[in-house]
Amino acid sequence: MNNAIVLFMILGCFVAFSCEKESPCPECWDEKAICVAGSCECPEEAIVTHLNTEPSAEDEEFFPSRQFCILPEQLTFIGYLPRFLCVDTFAIAFPYEPLEGMRLLPSGTPRVRQLTRRETSGISNMNMDLIFNEDYPEGLGIKIRIMNIQPTYGVSLGYGCLNLSDGEISGAATIGFEGYFSHPDTIVGKLEVISTDGDYSDFDGQEMEVNLIRTIPYGG
């Protein structure tokens, strides 16, 4: 009987010691992340990417490169690309299914959401104007144009790509996307620098091909 009590006490001490050694779970920067062994990780079903943006002013909070979780959804598309000025891999979400026709929304112009970090409190969705054409002759006949893509790399301010020199803005640019549905799950398109200023003037009109891929197949 005494041996059983001693064994129970030893086991209890071992469990308590293990709990004390377990790493505490931090407050995850991405609200979609989960705590695994004391660190923030994306859920198993998520698409993992990173944001590499920096603040444009000294009094803004600095965010180092951080893991970013994109949860697959039928209205969410992701474009994989190397760095193009201030944009690399990014994801957007439509307000409704584009293949089912144009819809009038209470807010007026349809807007897509880019999934990216904006506020210190976590993740928010940036709205971008969407131009929709149902009479496009190629592919499935639907063309889209997004007027501004939110920077995912480097120094940013709003929708603009910035270049800083001695703490002052010396160049700026904005990037848009244009493409068409070649398949229910694929938008074939390109990023284009649509306006520039200062040091970035040489980038005016430059393009990069990029396809947006639906993260959950249409009708799936």
Protein backbone atom coordinates (compact mmCIF):
# COMPACT_ATOMS: atom_id res chain seq x y z
CA MET A 1 0.00 0.00 0.00
CA ASN A 2 2.81 2.35 0.94
CA ASN A 3 4.60 1.53 -2.31
CA ALA A 4 1.48 2.47 -4.27
CA ILE A 5 1.27 5.84 -2.49
CA VAL A 6 4.95 6.58 -3.17
CA LEU A 7 4.52 5.64 -6.82
CA PHE A 8 1.46 7.89 -7.10
CA MET A 9 3.35 10.82 -5.53
CA ILE A 10 6.30 10.35 -7.91
CA LEU A 11 3.93 10.27 -10.89
CA GLY A 12 2.18 13.42 -9.67
CA CYS A 13 5.48 15.25 -9.31
CA PHE A 14 6.52 14.16 -12.84
CA VAL A 15 3.27 15.47 -14.34
CA ALA A 16 3.56 18.77 -12.47
CA PHE A 17 7.17 19.19 -13.57
CA SER A 18 6.20 18.51 -17.20
CA CYS A 19 3.46 21.12 -17.06
CA GLU A 20 5.83 23.70 -15.64
CA LYS A 21 8.33 23.03 -18.43
CA GLU A 22 5.72 23.31 -21.20
CA SER A 23 6.23 26.53 -23.17
CA PRO A 24 3.50 29.12 -22.71
CA CYS A 25 1.42 29.96 -25.77
CA PRO A 26 2.07 33.50 -27.06
CA GLU A 27 -0.61 35.79 -28.46
CA CYS A 28 -0.46 34.88 -32.12
CA TRP A 29 -0.04 37.74 -34.58
CA ASP A 30 -2.22 36.00 -37.17
CA GLU A 31 -5.65 35.28 -35.68
CA LYS A 32 -5.89 32.14 -37.83
CA ALA A 33 -2.73 30.63 -36.33
CA ILE A 34 -2.73 28.01 -33.59
CA CYS A 35 -0.27 27.38 -30.77
CA VAL A 36 1.99 24.37 -31.29
CA ALA A 37 4.74 23.64 -28.74
CA GLY A 38 4.75 27.25 -27.61
CA SER A 39 4.90 28.88 -31.05
CA CYS A 40 2.31 30.13 -33.53
CA GLU A 41 1.79 27.82 -36.49
CA CYS A 42 -0.73 27.71 -39.32
CA PRO A 43 -3.46 25.05 -39.15
CA GLU A 44 -2.74 21.93 -41.17
CA GLU A 45 -5.22 22.88 -43.91
CA ALA A 46 -3.86 26.42 -44.33
CA ILE A 47 -1.63 27.74 -47.11
CA VAL A 48 1.49 29.18 -45.50
CA THR A 49 3.13 32.35 -46.80
CA HIS A 50 4.91 35.37 -45.28
CA LEU A 51 4.57 39.14 -45.16
CA ASN A 52 7.71 41.25 -45.42
CA THR A 53 6.44 44.80 -45.01
CA GLU A 54 8.03 47.64 -43.08
CA PRO A 55 6.51 50.86 -41.69
CA SER A 56 6.88 54.08 -43.64
CA ALA A 57 7.41 56.28 -40.56
CA GLU A 58 9.54 55.98 -37.41
CA ASP A 59 6.55 56.19 -35.08
CA GLU A 60 4.78 53.23 -36.72
CA GLU A 61 5.10 49.77 -35.19
CA PHE A 62 7.63 47.55 -36.97
CA PHE A 63 6.53 44.11 -38.11
CA PRO A 64 9.33 41.73 -39.12
CA SER A 65 8.69 39.01 -41.69
CA ARG A 66 5.90 36.90 -40.24
CA GLN A 67 4.19 33.69 -41.16
CA PHE A 68 0.76 34.30 -42.61
CA CYS A 69 -2.02 31.70 -42.82
CA ILE A 70 -4.41 31.64 -45.76
CA LEU A 71 -7.40 29.40 -45.14
CA PRO A 72 -8.70 27.76 -48.34
CA GLU A 73 -12.15 29.01 -49.36
CA GLN A 74 -14.01 28.78 -52.66
CA LEU A 75 -13.99 32.56 -53.18
CA THR A 76 -10.31 32.92 -52.24
CA PHE A 77 -7.63 32.92 -54.96
CA ILE A 78 -3.87 32.99 -54.48
CA GLY A 79 -1.14 34.17 -56.83
CA TYR A 80 2.34 32.71 -56.41
CA LEU A 81 5.10 34.96 -57.70
CA PRO A 82 8.61 36.17 -56.93
CA ARG A 83 8.98 39.74 -55.74
CA PHE A 84 7.69 42.31 -58.24
CA LEU A 85 8.58 45.77 -56.92
CA CYS A 86 6.64 45.62 -53.60
CA VAL A 87 4.38 42.61 -54.26
CA ASP A 88 5.09 38.91 -53.90
CA THR A 89 2.72 35.97 -53.22
CA PHE A 90 -0.71 37.35 -52.28
CA ALA A 91 -4.33 36.21 -51.91
CA ILE A 92 -7.62 37.88 -52.71
CA ALA A 93 -11.24 37.01 -51.92
CA PHE A 94 -14.25 37.91 -54.05
CA PRO A 95 -17.48 39.20 -52.45
CA TYR A 96 -19.51 36.69 -54.52
CA GLU A 97 -18.93 33.99 -57.14
CA PRO A 98 -17.70 35.79 -60.30
CA LEU A 99 -18.69 32.89 -62.57
CA GLU A 100 -22.34 33.32 -61.60
CA GLY A 101 -22.60 36.84 -62.99
CA MET A 102 -22.30 40.45 -61.91
CA ARG A 103 -24.25 41.46 -58.81
CA LEU A 104 -25.35 44.82 -57.51
CA LEU A 105 -24.17 45.32 -53.94
CA PRO A 106 -25.56 47.75 -51.33
CA SER A 107 -22.10 49.32 -51.14
CA GLY A 108 -22.13 50.08 -54.89
CA THR A 109 -18.97 49.07 -56.76
CA PRO A 110 -18.01 45.43 -56.15
CA ARG A 111 -14.81 45.21 -54.15
CA VAL A 112 -12.39 42.37 -53.60
CA ARG A 113 -10.58 41.81 -50.31
CA GLN A 114 -6.86 41.25 -50.19
CA LEU A 115 -5.88 39.08 -47.25
CA THR A 116 -3.03 40.89 -45.55
CA ARG A 117 -1.90 42.53 -42.32
CA ARG A 118 -2.86 46.16 -41.80
CA GLU A 119 -3.51 46.82 -38.12
CA THR A 120 -1.42 46.11 -35.03
CA SER A 121 -4.36 44.18 -33.59
CA GLY A 122 -4.07 41.47 -36.22
CA ILE A 123 -5.40 40.76 -39.69
CA SER A 124 -7.85 42.88 -41.61
CA ASN A 125 -9.03 42.87 -45.20
CA MET A 126 -8.10 45.62 -47.64
CA ASN A 127 -10.80 46.51 -50.15
CA MET A 128 -9.91 47.12 -53.80
CA ASP A 129 -12.16 48.26 -56.61
CA LEU A 130 -13.09 45.49 -59.02
CA ILE A 131 -13.88 46.11 -62.68
CA PHE A 132 -15.90 43.24 -64.09
CA ASN A 133 -16.49 42.41 -67.78
CA GLU A 134 -18.78 39.54 -68.78
CA ASP A 135 -18.26 40.00 -72.54
CA TYR A 136 -14.56 39.20 -72.77
CA PRO A 137 -13.87 37.02 -75.85
CA GLU A 138 -11.20 34.74 -74.32
CA GLY A 139 -11.49 31.86 -71.87
CA LEU A 140 -14.85 31.72 -70.10
CA GLY A 141 -15.70 35.25 -71.24
CA ILE A 142 -15.14 36.97 -67.87
CA LYS A 143 -12.42 39.58 -67.36
CA ILE A 144 -11.52 41.29 -64.10
CA ARG A 145 -9.32 44.24 -63.20
CA ILE A 146 -8.23 45.15 -59.67
CA MET A 147 -7.09 48.75 -59.47
CA ASN A 148 -4.73 48.50 -56.50
CA ILE A 149 -2.81 45.60 -55.01
CA GLN A 150 -1.72 46.00 -51.40
CA PRO A 151 2.09 45.74 -50.95
CA THR A 152 3.32 42.55 -49.32
CA TYR A 153 7.04 43.38 -49.40
CA GLY A 154 9.14 46.38 -48.40
CA VAL A 155 7.99 49.80 -47.27
CA SER A 156 4.31 50.54 -47.79
CA LEU A 157 1.77 53.26 -47.18
CA GLY A 158 -1.85 52.43 -48.03
CA TYR A 159 -1.88 50.90 -51.48
CA GLY A 160 1.42 52.42 -52.55
CA CYS A 161 4.92 51.01 -52.90
CA LEU A 162 7.39 53.44 -51.38
CA ASN A 163 11.11 54.02 -51.63
CA LEU A 164 12.74 55.84 -48.71
CA SER A 165 15.94 57.87 -48.83
CA ASP A 166 17.26 59.17 -45.48
CA GLY A 167 13.81 58.67 -44.03
CA GLU A 168 12.07 60.65 -46.75
CA ILE A 169 9.86 59.26 -49.51
CA SER A 170 11.85 59.44 -52.75
CA GLY A 171 9.73 57.19 -54.94
CA ALA A 172 6.24 55.71 -55.14
CA ALA A 173 4.25 53.34 -57.33
CA THR A 174 0.91 51.54 -57.45
CA ILE A 175 0.28 48.10 -58.95
CA GLY A 176 -2.90 46.69 -60.47
CA PHE A 177 -3.99 43.27 -61.69
CA GLU A 178 -5.78 42.35 -64.90
CA GLY A 179 -6.82 38.90 -66.04
CA TYR A 180 -9.56 36.60 -67.27
CA PHE A 181 -11.00 33.22 -66.31
CA SER A 182 -9.36 30.58 -68.48
CA HIS A 183 -10.87 27.87 -66.26
CA PRO A 184 -13.33 27.96 -63.33
CA ASP A 185 -10.37 27.71 -60.94
CA THR A 186 -7.79 29.83 -62.79
CA ILE A 187 -7.53 33.53 -63.62
CA VAL A 188 -4.76 34.06 -66.17
CA GLY A 189 -3.39 37.56 -65.83
CA LYS A 190 -0.62 39.99 -65.05
CA LEU A 191 0.46 42.56 -62.52
CA GLU A 192 1.14 46.00 -63.99
CA VAL A 193 2.72 49.13 -62.54
CA ILE A 194 -0.03 51.67 -63.24
CA SER A 195 1.46 54.84 -61.74
CA THR A 196 4.89 55.94 -60.53
CA ASP A 197 6.74 58.91 -59.12
CA GLY A 198 10.33 59.84 -58.25
CA ASP A 199 12.85 57.00 -58.00
CA TYR A 200 10.25 54.50 -59.23
CA SER A 201 9.53 56.31 -62.50
CA ASP A 202 11.56 53.77 -64.48
CA PHE A 203 9.14 51.03 -63.39
CA ASP A 204 6.14 52.71 -65.08
CA GLY A 205 4.26 50.22 -67.26
CA GLN A 206 6.33 47.18 -66.25
CA GLU A 207 4.40 43.89 -66.08
CA MET A 208 4.68 40.42 -64.58
CA GLU A 209 2.53 37.44 -65.53
CA VAL A 210 0.79 35.76 -62.61
CA ASN A 211 -2.13 33.33 -62.41
CA LEU A 212 -4.62 33.44 -59.54
CA ILE A 213 -5.57 29.92 -58.43
CA ARG A 214 -8.78 29.13 -56.54
CA THR A 215 -7.92 27.59 -53.18
CA ILE A 216 -10.98 25.28 -53.19
CA PRO A 217 -12.18 24.12 -56.62
CA TYR A 218 -15.36 25.64 -58.01
CA GLY A 219 -18.33 23.52 -57.02
CA GLY A 220 -16.12 21.53 -54.66
